[in-house]
Protein backbone atom coordinates (compact mmCIF):
# COMPACT_ATOMS: atom_id res chain seq x y z
CA MET A 1 -17.00 -23.14 -2.88
CA ASP A 2 -14.62 -20.24 -4.43
CA LEU A 3 -11.74 -19.61 -2.17
CA ARG A 4 -9.87 -16.51 -3.24
CA THR A 5 -6.66 -15.09 -1.74
CA THR A 6 -6.17 -11.84 -0.40
CA ARG A 7 -2.77 -10.28 -0.12
CA THR A 8 -1.96 -7.23 1.91
CA ALA A 9 0.73 -5.22 1.02
CA THR A 10 2.21 -2.44 3.07
CA ALA A 11 3.19 0.85 1.29
CA VAL A 12 6.92 1.60 0.88
CA PRO A 13 7.70 4.76 2.92
CA THR A 14 8.23 7.63 0.69
CA SER A 15 9.75 10.21 3.19
CA ALA A 16 12.76 10.11 5.49
CA ASN A 17 10.80 10.91 8.31
CA THR A 18 8.77 7.84 7.89
CA ILE A 19 11.83 5.67 7.73
CA LEU A 20 13.27 7.35 10.57
CA ARG A 21 9.90 6.78 12.95
CA GLY A 22 10.12 3.24 11.83
CA LEU A 23 13.84 2.86 12.96
CA GLY A 24 13.18 4.50 16.08
CA GLY A 25 10.30 2.21 16.89
CA LEU A 26 12.74 -0.80 15.95
CA SER A 27 15.24 0.95 18.35
CA VAL A 28 12.59 1.06 21.40
CA ALA A 29 11.86 -2.46 20.92
CA LEU A 30 15.33 -4.01 20.82
CA LEU A 31 15.99 -1.72 24.08
CA ALA A 32 13.17 -3.27 25.63
CA LEU A 33 14.06 -6.74 24.91
CA THR A 34 17.82 -6.03 26.24
CA SER A 35 16.46 -4.56 29.31
CA LEU A 36 14.25 -7.56 30.19
CA ALA A 37 17.33 -9.81 29.52
CA ALA A 38 19.33 -7.72 32.06
CA CYS A 39 16.67 -7.92 34.72
CA GLY A 40 16.63 -11.59 34.79
CA SER A 41 17.42 -13.41 38.26
CA ASP A 42 20.87 -13.02 40.13
CA ASN A 43 21.28 -16.74 39.48
CA HIS A 44 23.80 -16.96 36.72
CA SER A 45 23.94 -20.81 36.38
CA ALA A 46 23.29 -22.21 32.93
CA SER A 47 19.61 -22.98 32.60
CA ALA A 48 17.89 -25.36 30.54
CA GLU A 49 14.64 -22.91 30.16
CA THR A 50 14.88 -19.65 28.71
CA PRO A 51 12.28 -17.13 29.61
CA ALA A 52 9.77 -16.38 26.73
CA SER A 53 10.11 -12.71 27.18
CA THR A 54 14.03 -12.69 26.73
CA THR A 55 13.55 -14.71 23.26
CA ALA A 56 10.73 -12.99 21.81
CA LEU A 57 11.46 -11.37 18.21
CA ALA A 58 11.06 -7.44 17.86
CA GLN A 59 8.60 -6.86 15.12
CA GLU A 60 7.48 -3.33 13.71
CA ALA A 61 3.60 -2.80 14.26
CA PRO A 62 1.64 -3.52 11.19
CA VAL A 63 -0.02 -0.50 9.47
CA PRO A 64 -3.60 -0.16 11.59
CA PRO A 65 -6.38 -0.24 8.86
CA GLY A 66 -7.81 2.97 7.76
CA THR A 67 -10.78 3.95 5.93
CA PRO A 68 -11.64 1.69 3.32
CA VAL A 69 -11.88 2.38 -0.19
CA ASN A 70 -12.96 -0.35 -2.59
CA VAL A 71 -11.73 -0.52 -6.05
CA THR A 72 -12.42 -2.84 -9.17
CA LEU A 73 -10.22 -2.63 -12.49
CA HIS A 74 -11.79 -4.12 -15.47
CA GLU A 75 -12.41 -3.51 -19.32
CA ALA A 76 -15.51 -2.08 -20.41
CA SER A 77 -14.50 -2.83 -23.79
CA ASP A 78 -11.50 -3.42 -25.99
CA THR A 79 -10.88 0.41 -26.06
CA ALA A 80 -12.10 1.55 -22.58
CA PHE A 81 -10.56 0.33 -19.66
CA VAL A 82 -12.00 1.29 -15.99
CA VAL A 83 -11.01 2.29 -12.39
CA ALA A 84 -13.94 2.13 -10.52
CA SER A 85 -13.82 3.47 -6.75
CA ASP A 86 -16.83 3.15 -4.31
CA GLN A 87 -15.05 6.74 -2.86
CA THR A 88 -14.47 9.93 -4.45
CA SER A 89 -13.39 11.94 -1.40
CA VAL A 90 -12.01 10.55 2.11
CA LYS A 91 -10.57 12.30 5.24
CA ALA A 92 -6.65 12.29 5.42
CA GLY A 93 -5.06 9.47 7.57
CA ASN A 94 -4.61 5.93 6.85
CA ILE A 95 -6.64 4.70 3.84
CA THR A 96 -6.97 0.85 2.87
CA PHE A 97 -7.53 0.18 -0.77
CA LYS A 98 -8.97 -3.21 -1.28
CA VAL A 99 -8.65 -3.77 -5.15
CA THR A 100 -10.15 -6.41 -7.29
CA ASP A 101 -9.41 -7.15 -10.89
CA THR A 102 -12.91 -7.90 -12.18
CA GLY A 103 -11.69 -8.01 -15.96
CA LYS A 104 -10.19 -10.24 -18.44
CA LYS A 105 -6.86 -8.99 -18.41
CA ASP A 106 -4.16 -8.43 -15.86
CA HIS A 107 -4.15 -5.03 -14.05
CA GLU A 108 -2.48 -3.23 -11.20
CA MET A 109 -3.37 -0.04 -9.27
CA VAL A 110 -0.87 2.73 -8.23
CA VAL A 111 -1.89 5.93 -6.32
CA LEU A 112 -0.04 9.09 -7.42
CA LYS A 113 -0.07 12.29 -5.77
CA LEU A 114 -1.29 15.11 -8.35
CA ASP A 115 1.12 18.27 -8.70
CA GLY A 116 -1.54 20.51 -10.21
CA THR A 117 -2.12 18.39 -13.49
CA ALA A 118 -5.58 17.03 -14.28
CA PHE A 119 -5.85 13.37 -13.35
CA ASP A 120 -6.86 12.44 -16.93
CA LYS A 121 -4.15 14.76 -18.67
CA LEU A 122 -0.82 12.99 -17.30
CA PRO A 123 1.77 13.07 -20.02
CA ILE A 124 2.31 9.34 -21.37
CA ASP A 125 5.80 8.46 -22.15
CA SER A 126 5.78 7.43 -25.61
CA SER A 127 8.67 4.65 -25.32
CA THR A 128 6.73 2.86 -22.49
CA ASN A 129 2.94 4.12 -22.97
CA ARG A 130 2.89 4.76 -19.21
CA VAL A 131 3.02 7.58 -16.54
CA SER A 132 5.28 8.53 -14.35
CA GLU A 133 5.27 7.00 -10.80
CA ASP A 134 7.44 9.75 -9.68
CA THR A 135 4.67 10.57 -6.97
CA ASN A 136 3.69 7.06 -6.22
CA VAL A 137 2.53 7.08 -2.70
CA GLY A 138 1.00 3.43 -2.91
CA GLU A 139 0.19 0.44 -5.02
CA THR A 140 -0.83 -3.17 -5.11
CA GLY A 141 2.86 -4.24 -5.83
CA ASP A 142 4.11 -6.95 -8.30
CA PRO A 143 3.21 -9.21 -9.72
CA ASN A 144 0.31 -7.82 -11.32
CA LEU A 145 -3.31 -8.77 -10.55
CA THR A 146 -4.60 -11.44 -12.37
CA PRO A 147 -8.40 -11.69 -13.12
CA GLY A 148 -10.54 -12.48 -10.31
CA GLU A 149 -7.70 -11.53 -7.91
CA THR A 150 -7.94 -9.17 -4.86
CA ARG A 151 -5.20 -7.20 -2.97
CA SER A 152 -5.24 -4.76 -0.44
CA PHE A 153 -2.59 -2.25 1.00
CA THR A 154 -2.63 0.73 3.26
CA VAL A 155 -1.11 4.12 3.00
CA ASP A 156 -1.06 6.97 5.11
CA LEU A 157 -2.40 9.91 2.96
CA ALA A 158 -2.14 13.84 3.72
CA ALA A 159 -4.98 16.34 2.23
CA GLY A 160 -4.45 16.71 -1.47
CA THR A 161 -5.52 15.47 -4.86
CA TYR A 162 -4.66 11.97 -6.15
CA VAL A 163 -5.19 9.78 -8.89
CA MET A 164 -5.80 5.71 -9.11
CA VAL A 165 -4.33 4.45 -12.10
CA CYS A 166 -3.29 1.16 -13.90
CA ASN A 167 -0.22 1.76 -15.21
CA ILE A 168 0.36 -1.16 -17.37
CA GLU A 169 1.49 -0.50 -20.72
CA LYS A 170 -1.23 1.72 -22.54
CA HIS A 171 -4.06 1.06 -19.67
CA TYR A 172 -3.89 4.59 -18.49
CA GLY A 173 -4.28 5.86 -22.10
CA LEU A 174 -7.26 3.51 -22.38
CA GLY A 175 -9.13 5.34 -19.43
CA MET A 176 -7.63 3.24 -16.38
CA ARG A 177 -7.79 6.28 -14.04
CA SER A 178 -9.90 7.75 -11.08
CA LEU A 179 -9.78 11.13 -9.15
CA LEU A 180 -9.37 10.95 -5.18
CA THR A 181 -9.70 13.89 -3.31
CA VAL A 182 -8.21 13.56 0.53
CA THR A 183 -9.70 16.36 2.95
CA PRO A 184 -8.17 17.54 6.17
């Protein structure tokens, strides 16, 4: 039986509002735990038993799964690499990317918000042979995917045009890019 691991990565928040919402949720959870502890019995004697409700750890809720987008990364030849997606258009909201490296080389997947530049015409830095990740909204993370590995991540995408790329040195230039349109 072939067992493979699937890791889930959560996208790094890219806006101050997202960070503040996350901190607000944590503050509410801590306040609720403090209130529970304060609402204990009037018996202030030491007890060997501590109610589970007062010892629970506050955890931020996981990002709910979204519209699935299955992506494969592979080499069609030595000079043509591919990002293949089962979706070219999705509705705005949580999008869950399930990315599998079906090739023979390591790959990664980065989702970039386009600013008007065509998805296949992004400038490639001559010193790194990579495109800028300044508009990165989510990615498979480090380390790179190895052949046969699958990794998933969920991001909240607003309406707009995005490109899914492998941004390992030279891979974008060899064709590892695919357009994704997000509709309202």
